[in-house]
Amino acid sequence: MSDDTLTAAPATPTTTATPRCASCPHADRLAELTRSNDDLTQLNETLQRTQEQLVQSEKLASIGQLAAGVAHEINNPVGYVFSNFSSLERYLGDLFRMLALYESAEAQLAGSPHAARIAALRAEIELDYLKEDVPTLMAESREGIARVRKIVQDLKDFSHVDARKEWEWADLHKGLDSTLNIVNNEIKYKAEIVREYGTLPEVQCLASELNQVFMNLLVNAAHAIHKPRGTIHVRTGTAGENVWVEIEDDGSGISPDNLSRIFDPFFTTKPVGKGTGLGLSLSYGIVKKHHGRIDVDSEPGRGTRFRVTLPVHRDLPEQT
């Protein structure tokens, strides 16, 4: 029996509805506003992440454009210096031949004033030493110019200056080598690079974007090495219609708690100001755009291995 029945008048039994709480409409409205606020907060965070990723992508694109511009500006003077070196080496060869002929005639000037002046000048300029050192200096200078030329070419390959942001067939080994040269200064004091390349077909891809993926993985591998000297293995191979690139370090490794979050935007284990937390997130997006995948295997104290798997053909199904 209800409370309403118990309080009703005996002569005329009636029921009265329990009055609605006056504050209930406000509670419903408050709950609705709370949900809307949570939705807006989540949307704002998503927009912020997207904006940061776009900014980071634009920065990487700008770096590529800058690298391409620098490569173009350096390439011209390096070209004619390199060309001039060939002429200079030929001229020096001719001068040394002439000098040898003069030296053979010195004996005929013995006892003359000219012979004394020649002997004095020979001693002053250390002619015998110059004849040995000049070719060495020329060889070292040519090697230096060739190194600059290689760096310029690697800058062009890394930024893919000739590409029009179109999918094309590219040699991943060439991209890896140019990227390794670009990040050489970041790695050379921390680790040895061991290349273990397999035989790869050309891959239909956006080469400059894949180079950014390789750069992020290589720099992260170097940053993970805290001992005096480590090793970074760069491996490649094929699996059916796919190719794969592995980058493995023997650094500090990743804790299990962080392993599932490393591809999240803004997640980083680096100190404040040392990393944006977007490198792996952007790399993940680039690889997914190529219908590929990134797998990671890591243990604290053992190191980390990233494997990027990509289809050879753009129209192959997405990797899972």
C-alpha atoms as a PDB file:
ATOM      1  CA  MET A   1       0.000   0.000   0.000  1.00  0.00           C
ATOM      2  CA  SER A   2       1.317   3.439  -0.889  1.00  0.00           C
ATOM      3  CA  ASP A   3       1.935   6.375   1.404  1.00  0.00           C
ATOM      4  CA  ASP A   4      -0.649   8.346  -0.612  1.00  0.00           C
ATOM      5  CA  THR A   5      -3.372   5.847   0.305  1.00  0.00           C
ATOM      6  CA  LEU A   6      -2.485   5.986   3.966  1.00  0.00           C
ATOM      7  CA  THR A   7      -2.938   9.786   4.115  1.00  0.00           C
ATOM      8  CA  ALA A   8      -6.111   9.977   1.997  1.00  0.00           C
ATOM      9  CA  ALA A   9      -9.557  10.901   3.560  1.00  0.00           C
ATOM     10  CA  PRO A  10     -11.667   7.775   4.239  1.00  0.00           C
ATOM     11  CA  ALA A  11     -14.888   9.115   2.641  1.00  0.00           C
ATOM     12  CA  THR A  12     -13.433   9.962  -0.704  1.00  0.00           C
ATOM     13  CA  PRO A  13     -10.352   7.862  -1.428  1.00  0.00           C
ATOM     14  CA  THR A  14      -7.978   9.706  -3.717  1.00  0.00           C
ATOM     15  CA  THR A  15      -4.292   9.603  -4.685  1.00  0.00           C
ATOM     16  CA  THR A  16      -2.003  12.582  -4.945  1.00  0.00           C
ATOM     17  CA  ALA A  17       1.164  12.533  -7.116  1.00  0.00           C
ATOM     18  CA  THR A  18       4.444  13.185  -5.388  1.00  0.00           C
ATOM     19  CA  PRO A  19       5.373  16.762  -6.282  1.00  0.00           C
ATOM     20  CA  ARG A  20       8.446  17.104  -8.631  1.00  0.00           C
ATOM     21  CA  CYS A  21      11.556  18.519  -6.945  1.00  0.00           C
ATOM     22  CA  ALA A  22      11.882  22.151  -7.858  1.00  0.00           C
ATOM     23  CA  SER A  23      15.613  21.772  -8.372  1.00  0.00           C
ATOM     24  CA  CYS A  24      15.377  18.846 -10.846  1.00  0.00           C
ATOM     25  CA  PRO A  25      15.214  21.005 -14.010  1.00  0.00           C
ATOM     26  CA  HIS A  26      18.330  22.814 -12.875  1.00  0.00           C
ATOM     27  CA  ALA A  27      20.094  19.514 -12.179  1.00  0.00           C
ATOM     28  CA  ASP A  28      19.264  18.240 -15.656  1.00  0.00           C
ATOM     29  CA  ARG A  29      20.456  21.481 -17.189  1.00  0.00           C
ATOM     30  CA  LEU A  30      23.653  21.364 -15.147  1.00  0.00           C
ATOM     31  CA  ALA A  31      24.332  17.791 -16.281  1.00  0.00           C
ATOM     32  CA  GLU A  32      23.724  18.795 -19.890  1.00  0.00           C
ATOM     33  CA  LEU A  33      26.086  21.757 -19.594  1.00  0.00           C
ATOM     34  CA  THR A  34      28.713  19.537 -17.968  1.00  0.00           C
ATOM     35  CA  ARG A  35      28.489  17.062 -20.850  1.00  0.00           C
ATOM     36  CA  SER A  36      28.707  19.887 -23.375  1.00  0.00           C
ATOM     37  CA  ASN A  37      31.716  21.327 -21.584  1.00  0.00           C
ATOM     38  CA  ASP A  38      33.441  17.930 -21.567  1.00  0.00           C
ATOM     39  CA  ASP A  39      32.726  17.541 -25.289  1.00  0.00           C
ATOM     40  CA  LEU A  40      34.102  21.013 -26.012  1.00  0.00           C
ATOM     41  CA  THR A  41      37.184  20.349 -23.895  1.00  0.00           C
ATOM     42  CA  GLN A  42      37.860  17.103 -25.768  1.00  0.00           C
ATOM     43  CA  LEU A  43      37.269  18.809 -29.110  1.00  0.00           C
ATOM     44  CA  ASN A  44      39.608  21.645 -28.135  1.00  0.00           C
ATOM     45  CA  GLU A  45      42.331  19.145 -27.173  1.00  0.00           C
ATOM     46  CA  THR A  46      41.880  17.343 -30.486  1.00  0.00           C
ATOM     47  CA  LEU A  47      42.091  20.618 -32.409  1.00  0.00           C
ATOM     48  CA  GLN A  48      45.183  21.608 -30.443  1.00  0.00           C
ATOM     49  CA  ARG A  49      46.869  18.286 -31.219  1.00  0.00           C
ATOM     50  CA  THR A  50      45.958  18.628 -34.883  1.00  0.00           C
ATOM     51  CA  GLN A  51      47.267  22.183 -34.978  1.00  0.00           C
ATOM     52  CA  GLU A  52      50.540  21.164 -33.336  1.00  0.00           C
ATOM     53  CA  GLN A  53      50.939  18.308 -35.784  1.00  0.00           C
ATOM     54  CA  LEU A  54      50.290  20.656 -38.700  1.00  0.00           C
ATOM     55  CA  VAL A  55      52.807  23.138 -37.314  1.00  0.00           C
ATOM     56  CA  GLN A  56      55.361  20.360 -36.892  1.00  0.00           C
ATOM     57  CA  SER A  57      54.652  19.086 -40.408  1.00  0.00           C
ATOM     58  CA  GLU A  58      55.085  22.607 -41.763  1.00  0.00           C
ATOM     59  CA  LYS A  59      58.363  22.908 -39.867  1.00  0.00           C
ATOM     60  CA  LEU A  60      59.608  19.668 -41.392  1.00  0.00           C
ATOM     61  CA  ALA A  61      58.486  20.829 -44.818  1.00  0.00           C
ATOM     62  CA  SER A  62      60.270  24.151 -44.233  1.00  0.00           C
ATOM     63  CA  ILE A  63      63.417  22.288 -43.204  1.00  0.00           C
ATOM     64  CA  GLY A  64      63.208  20.333 -46.431  1.00  0.00           C
ATOM     65  CA  GLN A  65      62.748  23.509 -48.476  1.00  0.00           C
ATOM     66  CA  LEU A  66      65.613  25.185 -46.605  1.00  0.00           C
ATOM     67  CA  ALA A  67      67.847  22.176 -47.180  1.00  0.00           C
ATOM     68  CA  ALA A  68      66.966  22.200 -50.863  1.00  0.00           C
ATOM     69  CA  GLY A  69      67.704  25.934 -51.104  1.00  0.00           C
ATOM     70  CA  VAL A  70      71.015  25.624 -49.274  1.00  0.00           C
ATOM     71  CA  ALA A  71      71.982  22.650 -51.423  1.00  0.00           C
ATOM     72  CA  HIS A  72      71.233  24.631 -54.589  1.00  0.00           C
ATOM     73  CA  GLU A  73      73.179  27.688 -53.425  1.00  0.00           C
ATOM     74  CA  ILE A  74      76.212  25.649 -52.351  1.00  0.00           C
ATOM     75  CA  ASN A  75      76.187  23.367 -55.359  1.00  0.00           C
ATOM     76  CA  ASN A  76      77.182  26.054 -57.877  1.00  0.00           C
ATOM     77  CA  PRO A  77      80.371  27.329 -56.149  1.00  0.00           C
ATOM     78  CA  VAL A  78      81.328  23.795 -55.148  1.00  0.00           C
ATOM     79  CA  GLY A  79      80.940  22.774 -58.776  1.00  0.00           C
ATOM     80  CA  TYR A  80      83.385  25.288 -60.167  1.00  0.00           C
ATOM     81  CA  VAL A  81      85.854  24.862 -57.268  1.00  0.00           C
ATOM     82  CA  PHE A  82      85.828  21.124 -57.973  1.00  0.00           C
ATOM     83  CA  SER A  83      86.353  21.807 -61.667  1.00  0.00           C
ATOM     84  CA  ASN A  84      89.180  24.260 -60.931  1.00  0.00           C
ATOM     85  CA  PHE A  85      90.918  21.650 -58.802  1.00  0.00           C
ATOM     86  CA  SER A  86      91.304  19.400 -61.809  1.00  0.00           C
ATOM     87  CA  SER A  87      92.926  22.219 -63.769  1.00  0.00           C
ATOM     88  CA  LEU A  88      95.106  23.233 -60.806  1.00  0.00           C
ATOM     89  CA  GLU A  89      96.410  19.688 -60.347  1.00  0.00           C
ATOM     90  CA  ARG A  90      97.275  19.531 -64.043  1.00  0.00           C
ATOM     91  CA  TYR A  91      99.069  22.901 -63.887  1.00  0.00           C
ATOM     92  CA  LEU A  92     101.034  21.819 -60.816  1.00  0.00           C
ATOM     93  CA  GLY A  93     102.105  18.673 -62.629  1.00  0.00           C
ATOM     94  CA  ASP A  94     103.436  20.801 -65.481  1.00  0.00           C
ATOM     95  CA  LEU A  95     105.236  23.149 -63.060  1.00  0.00           C
ATOM     96  CA  PHE A  96     106.870  20.233 -61.250  1.00  0.00           C
ATOM     97  CA  ARG A  97     108.093  18.852 -64.572  1.00  0.00           C
ATOM     98  CA  MET A  98     109.591  22.242 -65.415  1.00  0.00           C
ATOM     99  CA  LEU A  99     111.124  22.497 -61.950  1.00  0.00           C
ATOM    100  CA  ALA A 100     112.740  19.093 -62.341  1.00  0.00           C
ATOM    101  CA  LEU A 101     114.314  20.278 -65.615  1.00  0.00           C
ATOM    102  CA  TYR A 102     115.705  23.396 -63.925  1.00  0.00           C
ATOM    103  CA  GLU A 103     117.082  21.271 -61.087  1.00  0.00           C
ATOM    104  CA  SER A 104     118.894  19.068 -63.591  1.00  0.00           C
ATOM    105  CA  ALA A 105     120.573  22.202 -65.030  1.00  0.00           C
ATOM    106  CA  GLU A 106     121.806  23.495 -61.658  1.00  0.00           C
ATOM    107  CA  ALA A 107     125.025  21.495 -61.926  1.00  0.00           C
ATOM    108  CA  GLN A 108     126.023  23.517 -64.988  1.00  0.00           C
ATOM    109  CA  LEU A 109     125.772  26.749 -62.961  1.00  0.00           C
ATOM    110  CA  ALA A 110     128.130  25.565 -60.225  1.00  0.00           C
ATOM    111  CA  GLY A 111     130.479  28.326 -59.055  1.00  0.00           C
ATOM    112  CA  SER A 112     128.446  31.143 -60.627  1.00  0.00           C
ATOM    113  CA  PRO A 113     126.588  33.895 -58.710  1.00  0.00           C
ATOM    114  CA  HIS A 114     123.306  32.435 -60.002  1.00  0.00           C
ATOM    115  CA  ALA A 115     124.084  29.087 -58.374  1.00  0.00           C
ATOM    116  CA  ALA A 116     124.547  30.716 -54.978  1.00  0.00           C
ATOM    117  CA  ARG A 117     121.252  32.615 -55.219  1.00  0.00           C
ATOM    118  CA  ILE A 118     119.402  29.477 -56.330  1.00  0.00           C
ATOM    119  CA  ALA A 119     120.839  27.481 -53.425  1.00  0.00           C
ATOM    120  CA  ALA A 120     119.911  30.223 -50.942  1.00  0.00           C
ATOM    121  CA  LEU A 121     116.318  30.433 -52.236  1.00  0.00           C
ATOM    122  CA  ARG A 122     115.982  26.619 -52.247  1.00  0.00           C
ATOM    123  CA  ALA A 123     116.931  26.561 -48.559  1.00  0.00           C
ATOM    124  CA  GLU A 124     114.704  29.531 -47.695  1.00  0.00           C
ATOM    125  CA  ILE A 125     111.523  28.096 -49.189  1.00  0.00           C
ATOM    126  CA  GLU A 126     112.384  24.482 -48.249  1.00  0.00           C
ATOM    127  CA  LEU A 127     111.841  23.342 -51.801  1.00  0.00           C
ATOM    128  CA  ASP A 128     112.215  19.621 -51.122  1.00  0.00           C
ATOM    129  CA  TYR A 129     109.524  19.800 -48.423  1.00  0.00           C
ATOM    130  CA  LEU A 130     107.199  21.814 -50.686  1.00  0.00           C
ATOM    131  CA  LYS A 131     107.515  19.231 -53.430  1.00  0.00           C
ATOM    132  CA  GLU A 132     106.266  16.587 -50.996  1.00  0.00           C
ATOM    133  CA  ASP A 133     103.641  18.667 -49.171  1.00  0.00           C
ATOM    134  CA  VAL A 134     101.894  20.400 -52.067  1.00  0.00           C
ATOM    135  CA  PRO A 135     100.524  17.169 -53.620  1.00  0.00           C
ATOM    136  CA  THR A 136      99.368  16.051 -50.150  1.00  0.00           C
ATOM    137  CA  LEU A 137      97.569  19.354 -49.567  1.00  0.00           C
ATOM    138  CA  MET A 138      95.960  19.134 -52.981  1.00  0.00           C
ATOM    139  CA  ALA A 139      94.722  15.594 -52.310  1.00  0.00           C
ATOM    140  CA  GLU A 140      93.302  16.568 -48.907  1.00  0.00           C
ATOM    141  CA  SER A 141      91.611  19.637 -50.400  1.00  0.00           C
ATOM    142  CA  ARG A 142      90.076  17.570 -53.187  1.00  0.00           C
ATOM    143  CA  GLU A 143      88.808  15.079 -50.618  1.00  0.00           C
ATOM    144  CA  GLY A 144      87.289  17.943 -48.617  1.00  0.00           C
ATOM    145  CA  ILE A 145      85.534  19.397 -51.652  1.00  0.00           C
ATOM    146  CA  ALA A 146      84.271  15.933 -52.593  1.00  0.00           C
ATOM    147  CA  ARG A 147      82.887  15.589 -49.057  1.00  0.00           C
ATOM    148  CA  VAL A 148      81.063  18.929 -49.341  1.00  0.00           C
ATOM    149  CA  ARG A 149      79.712  17.865 -52.704  1.00  0.00           C
ATOM    150  CA  LYS A 150      78.433  14.595 -51.189  1.00  0.00           C
ATOM    151  CA  ILE A 151      76.740  16.465 -48.323  1.00  0.00           C
ATOM    152  CA  VAL A 152      75.053  18.796 -50.799  1.00  0.00           C
ATOM    153  CA  GLN A 153      73.804  15.828 -52.809  1.00  0.00           C
ATOM    154  CA  ASP A 154      72.558  14.173 -49.611  1.00  0.00           C
ATOM    155  CA  LEU A 155      70.702  17.357 -48.692  1.00  0.00           C
ATOM    156  CA  LYS A 156      69.012  17.268 -52.086  1.00  0.00           C
ATOM    157  CA  ASP A 157      68.199  13.570 -51.711  1.00  0.00           C
ATOM    158  CA  PHE A 158      66.898  14.061 -48.168  1.00  0.00           C
ATOM    159  CA  SER A 159      64.636  16.968 -49.072  1.00  0.00           C
ATOM    160  CA  HIS A 160      63.860  15.361 -52.440  1.00  0.00           C
ATOM    161  CA  VAL A 161      64.153  18.761 -54.071  1.00  0.00           C
ATOM    162  CA  ASP A 162      63.152  17.469 -57.482  1.00  0.00           C
ATOM    163  CA  ALA A 163      59.933  15.847 -56.234  1.00  0.00           C
ATOM    164  CA  ARG A 164      56.539  17.469 -56.728  1.00  0.00           C
ATOM    165  CA  LYS A 165      54.942  15.823 -53.709  1.00  0.00           C
ATOM    166  CA  GLU A 166      53.824  13.064 -56.027  1.00  0.00           C
ATOM    167  CA  TRP A 167      54.056   9.350 -55.422  1.00  0.00           C
ATOM    168  CA  GLU A 168      57.023   7.896 -57.248  1.00  0.00           C
ATOM    169  CA  TRP A 169      59.339   4.902 -57.267  1.00  0.00           C
ATOM    170  CA  ALA A 170      62.313   5.435 -54.949  1.00  0.00           C
ATOM    171  CA  ASP A 171      65.375   3.583 -53.667  1.00  0.00           C
ATOM    172  CA  LEU A 172      65.037   3.339 -49.863  1.00  0.00           C
ATOM    173  CA  HIS A 173      68.746   2.570 -49.459  1.00  0.00           C
ATOM    174  CA  LYS A 174      69.591   5.864 -51.118  1.00  0.00           C
ATOM    175  CA  GLY A 175      67.190   7.638 -48.751  1.00  0.00           C
ATOM    176  CA  LEU A 176      68.696   5.884 -45.715  1.00  0.00           C
ATOM    177  CA  ASP A 177      72.247   6.752 -46.753  1.00  0.00           C
ATOM    178  CA  SER A 178      71.450  10.412 -47.345  1.00  0.00           C
ATOM    179  CA  THR A 179      69.584  10.612 -44.028  1.00  0.00           C
ATOM    180  CA  LEU A 180      72.466   8.956 -42.173  1.00  0.00           C
ATOM    181  CA  ASN A 181      74.801  11.537 -43.649  1.00  0.00           C
ATOM    182  CA  ILE A 182      72.508  14.391 -42.616  1.00  0.00           C
ATOM    183  CA  VAL A 183      72.262  13.180 -38.978  1.00  0.00           C
ATOM    184  CA  ASN A 184      75.889  12.055 -38.841  1.00  0.00           C
ATOM    185  CA  ASN A 185      76.848  14.854 -36.437  1.00  0.00           C
ATOM    186  CA  GLU A 186      74.062  13.756 -34.064  1.00  0.00           C
ATOM    187  CA  ILE A 187      75.221  10.142 -34.042  1.00  0.00           C
ATOM    188  CA  LYS A 188      78.978   9.968 -34.627  1.00  0.00           C
ATOM    189  CA  TYR A 189      79.958  10.813 -31.048  1.00  0.00           C
ATOM    190  CA  LYS A 190      77.465   8.356 -29.530  1.00  0.00           C
ATOM    191  CA  ALA A 191      77.304   5.245 -31.668  1.00  0.00           C
ATOM    192  CA  GLU A 192      78.695   3.211 -34.519  1.00  0.00           C
ATOM    193  CA  ILE A 193      76.362   2.684 -37.469  1.00  0.00           C
ATOM    194  CA  VAL A 194      76.199  -0.883 -38.776  1.00  0.00           C
ATOM    195  CA  ARG A 195      74.461  -1.198 -42.142  1.00  0.00           C
ATOM    196  CA  GLU A 196      72.946  -4.599 -42.855  1.00  0.00           C
ATOM    197  CA  TYR A 197      71.157  -3.977 -46.145  1.00  0.00           C
ATOM    198  CA  GLY A 198      69.264  -6.665 -47.971  1.00  0.00           C
ATOM    199  CA  THR A 199      68.163  -6.517 -51.598  1.00  0.00           C
ATOM    200  CA  LEU A 200      65.231  -4.133 -51.975  1.00  0.00           C
ATOM    201  CA  PRO A 201      63.092  -3.266 -54.963  1.00  0.00           C
ATOM    202  CA  GLU A 202      62.160   0.350 -55.530  1.00  0.00           C
ATOM    203  CA  VAL A 203      59.103   1.385 -53.517  1.00  0.00           C
ATOM    204  CA  GLN A 204      56.207   3.580 -54.611  1.00  0.00           C
ATOM    205  CA  CYS A 205      56.218   6.318 -51.979  1.00  0.00           C
ATOM    206  CA  LEU A 206      56.700   9.939 -50.952  1.00  0.00           C
ATOM    207  CA  ALA A 207      60.458   9.664 -50.513  1.00  0.00           C
ATOM    208  CA  SER A 208      61.046  12.921 -48.619  1.00  0.00           C
ATOM    209  CA  GLU A 209      58.421  11.976 -46.015  1.00  0.00           C
ATOM    210  CA  LEU A 210      59.923   8.529 -45.479  1.00  0.00           C
ATOM    211  CA  ASN A 211      63.312  10.199 -45.007  1.00  0.00           C
ATOM    212  CA  GLN A 212      61.744  12.196 -42.164  1.00  0.00           C
ATOM    213  CA  VAL A 213      60.611   8.926 -40.576  1.00  0.00           C
ATOM    214  CA  PHE A 214      64.137   7.495 -40.834  1.00  0.00           C
ATOM    215  CA  MET A 215      65.580  10.709 -39.400  1.00  0.00           C
ATOM    216  CA  ASN A 216      63.251  10.615 -36.378  1.00  0.00           C
ATOM    217  CA  LEU A 217      64.042   6.966 -35.642  1.00  0.00           C
ATOM    218  CA  LEU A 218      67.799   7.452 -36.025  1.00  0.00           C
ATOM    219  CA  VAL A 219      67.918  10.561 -33.826  1.00  0.00           C
ATOM    220  CA  ASN A 220      65.779   8.844 -31.183  1.00  0.00           C
ATOM    221  CA  ALA A 221      68.127   5.852 -31.270  1.00  0.00           C
ATOM    222  CA  ALA A 222      71.119   8.126 -30.693  1.00  0.00           C
ATOM    223  CA  HIS A 223      69.373   9.935 -27.828  1.00  0.00           C
ATOM    224  CA  ALA A 224      68.582   6.595 -26.159  1.00  0.00           C
ATOM    225  CA  ILE A 225      72.283   5.714 -25.848  1.00  0.00           C
ATOM    226  CA  HIS A 226      73.741   7.016 -22.591  1.00  0.00           C
ATOM    227  CA  LYS A 227      76.865   4.873 -22.346  1.00  0.00           C
ATOM    228  CA  PRO A 228      80.188   6.098 -23.789  1.00  0.00           C
ATOM    229  CA  ARG A 229      79.723   4.304 -27.098  1.00  0.00           C
ATOM    230  CA  GLY A 230      76.807   2.347 -28.504  1.00  0.00           C
ATOM    231  CA  THR A 231      75.776   0.658 -31.733  1.00  0.00           C
ATOM    232  CA  ILE A 232      72.879   1.388 -34.076  1.00  0.00           C
ATOM    233  CA  HIS A 233      71.977  -1.329 -36.573  1.00  0.00           C
ATOM    234  CA  VAL A 234      70.177  -0.339 -39.777  1.00  0.00           C
ATOM    235  CA  ARG A 235      68.704  -3.364 -41.520  1.00  0.00           C
ATOM    236  CA  THR A 236      66.505  -3.834 -44.570  1.00  0.00           C
ATOM    237  CA  GLY A 237      64.736  -6.742 -46.177  1.00  0.00           C
ATOM    238  CA  THR A 238      61.664  -7.999 -47.992  1.00  0.00           C
ATOM    239  CA  ALA A 239      58.632 -10.021 -46.944  1.00  0.00           C
ATOM    240  CA  GLY A 240      56.327 -10.984 -49.804  1.00  0.00           C
ATOM    241  CA  GLU A 241      54.931  -7.820 -51.388  1.00  0.00           C
ATOM    242  CA  ASN A 242      56.375  -5.684 -48.593  1.00  0.00           C
ATOM    243  CA  VAL A 243      59.746  -4.228 -47.672  1.00  0.00           C
ATOM    244  CA  TRP A 244      60.941  -3.445 -44.158  1.00  0.00           C
ATOM    245  CA  VAL A 245      63.491  -1.172 -42.520  1.00  0.00           C
ATOM    246  CA  GLU A 246      64.751  -1.840 -39.001  1.00  0.00           C
ATOM    247  CA  ILE A 247      66.603   0.604 -36.769  1.00  0.00           C
ATOM    248  CA  GLU A 248      67.860  -0.972 -33.542  1.00  0.00           C
ATOM    249  CA  ASP A 249      69.902   0.603 -30.751  1.00  0.00           C
ATOM    250  CA  ASP A 250      71.500  -0.841 -27.613  1.00  0.00           C
ATOM    251  CA  GLY A 251      70.409   2.096 -25.484  1.00  0.00           C
ATOM    252  CA  SER A 252      68.320   2.429 -22.342  1.00  0.00           C
ATOM    253  CA  GLY A 253      65.124   0.913 -23.774  1.00  0.00           C
ATOM    254  CA  ILE A 254      61.494   1.843 -23.103  1.00  0.00           C
ATOM    255  CA  SER A 255      59.563   0.896 -19.985  1.00  0.00           C
ATOM    256  CA  PRO A 256      56.392  -1.218 -20.449  1.00  0.00           C
ATOM    257  CA  ASP A 257      54.280   1.655 -19.047  1.00  0.00           C
ATOM    258  CA  ASN A 258      55.476   3.969 -21.814  1.00  0.00           C
ATOM    259  CA  LEU A 259      55.615   1.460 -24.659  1.00  0.00           C
ATOM    260  CA  SER A 260      51.907   1.718 -25.451  1.00  0.00           C
ATOM    261  CA  ARG A 261      52.029   5.538 -25.496  1.00  0.00           C
ATOM    262  CA  ILE A 262      55.071   6.322 -27.616  1.00  0.00           C
ATOM    263  CA  PHE A 263      53.003   7.102 -30.729  1.00  0.00           C
ATOM    264  CA  ASP A 264      50.617   9.410 -28.836  1.00  0.00           C
ATOM    265  CA  PRO A 265      50.915  13.093 -29.798  1.00  0.00           C
ATOM    266  CA  PHE A 266      52.946  15.152 -27.294  1.00  0.00           C
ATOM    267  CA  PHE A 267      54.077  12.097 -25.321  1.00  0.00           C
ATOM    268  CA  THR A 268      57.796  12.267 -24.559  1.00  0.00           C
ATOM    269  CA  THR A 269      60.128  10.970 -21.882  1.00  0.00           C
ATOM    270  CA  LYS A 270      62.659  13.690 -22.621  1.00  0.00           C
ATOM    271  CA  PRO A 271      63.126  16.629 -20.233  1.00  0.00           C
ATOM    272  CA  VAL A 272      61.012  19.735 -20.715  1.00  0.00           C
ATOM    273  CA  GLY A 273      62.258  21.709 -23.691  1.00  0.00           C
ATOM    274  CA  LYS A 274      64.171  18.754 -25.158  1.00  0.00           C
ATOM    275  CA  GLY A 275      61.393  17.220 -27.243  1.00  0.00           C
ATOM    276  CA  THR A 276      57.955  18.004 -28.624  1.00  0.00           C
ATOM    277  CA  GLY A 277      56.601  14.465 -28.425  1.00  0.00           C
ATOM    278  CA  LEU A 278      55.507  14.703 -32.055  1.00  0.00           C
ATOM    279  CA  GLY A 279      58.331  12.900 -33.867  1.00  0.00           C
ATOM    280  CA  LEU A 280      56.987   9.359 -33.504  1.00  0.00           C
ATOM    281  CA  SER A 281      53.386  10.518 -33.867  1.00  0.00           C
ATOM    282  CA  LEU A 282      54.172  12.161 -37.197  1.00  0.00           C
ATOM    283  CA  SER A 283      56.227   9.152 -38.266  1.00  0.00           C
ATOM    284  CA  TYR A 284      53.291   6.886 -37.466  1.00  0.00           C
ATOM    285  CA  GLY A 285      50.999   9.077 -39.579  1.00  0.00           C
ATOM    286  CA  ILE A 286      53.407   9.072 -42.531  1.00  0.00           C
ATOM    287  CA  VAL A 287      53.762   5.293 -42.442  1.00  0.00           C
ATOM    288  CA  LYS A 288      49.977   4.822 -42.192  1.00  0.00           C
ATOM    289  CA  LYS A 289      49.595   7.138 -45.195  1.00  0.00           C
ATOM    290  CA  HIS A 290      51.821   4.666 -47.057  1.00  0.00           C
ATOM    291  CA  HIS A 291      49.539   1.784 -45.907  1.00  0.00           C
ATOM    292  CA  GLY A 292      52.396   0.491 -43.767  1.00  0.00           C
ATOM    293  CA  ARG A 293      52.967  -0.064 -40.075  1.00  0.00           C
ATOM    294  CA  ILE A 294      55.565   0.550 -37.350  1.00  0.00           C
ATOM    295  CA  ASP A 295      56.331  -2.185 -34.849  1.00  0.00           C
ATOM    296  CA  VAL A 296      58.460  -1.644 -31.762  1.00  0.00           C
ATOM    297  CA  ASP A 297      60.249  -4.142 -29.522  1.00  0.00           C
ATOM    298  CA  SER A 298      61.965  -2.809 -26.432  1.00  0.00           C
ATOM    299  CA  GLU A 299      63.078  -3.672 -22.919  1.00  0.00           C
ATOM    300  CA  PRO A 300      64.706  -1.395 -20.337  1.00  0.00           C
ATOM    301  CA  GLY A 301      68.452  -1.946 -20.419  1.00  0.00           C
ATOM    302  CA  ARG A 302      68.383  -3.972 -23.662  1.00  0.00           C
ATOM    303  CA  GLY A 303      67.590  -1.314 -26.219  1.00  0.00           C
ATOM    304  CA  THR A 304      64.882  -0.695 -28.794  1.00  0.00           C
ATOM    305  CA  ARG A 305      64.110  -1.980 -32.274  1.00  0.00           C
ATOM    306  CA  PHE A 306      61.706  -0.197 -34.610  1.00  0.00           C
ATOM    307  CA  ARG A 307      60.585  -1.911 -37.794  1.00  0.00           C
ATOM    308  CA  VAL A 308      58.857   0.021 -40.567  1.00  0.00           C
ATOM    309  CA  THR A 309      56.982  -2.237 -42.987  1.00  0.00           C
ATOM    310  CA  LEU A 310      55.804  -0.781 -46.303  1.00  0.00           C
ATOM    311  CA  PRO A 311      54.043  -2.190 -49.340  1.00  0.00           C
ATOM    312  CA  VAL A 312      56.047  -2.051 -52.548  1.00  0.00           C
ATOM    313  CA  HIS A 313      52.996  -0.846 -54.485  1.00  0.00           C
ATOM    314  CA  ARG A 314      50.895   2.064 -53.276  1.00  0.00           C
ATOM    315  CA  ASP A 315      47.593   0.298 -53.994  1.00  0.00           C
ATOM    316  CA  LEU A 316      48.302  -2.752 -51.803  1.00  0.00           C
ATOM    317  CA  PRO A 317      46.023  -3.222 -48.762  1.00  0.00           C
ATOM    318  CA  GLU A 318      46.921  -1.387 -45.558  1.00  0.00           C
ATOM    319  CA  GLN A 319      49.221  -3.265 -43.148  1.00  0.00           C
ATOM    320  CA  THR A 320      47.644  -4.492 -39.917  1.00  0.00           C
END
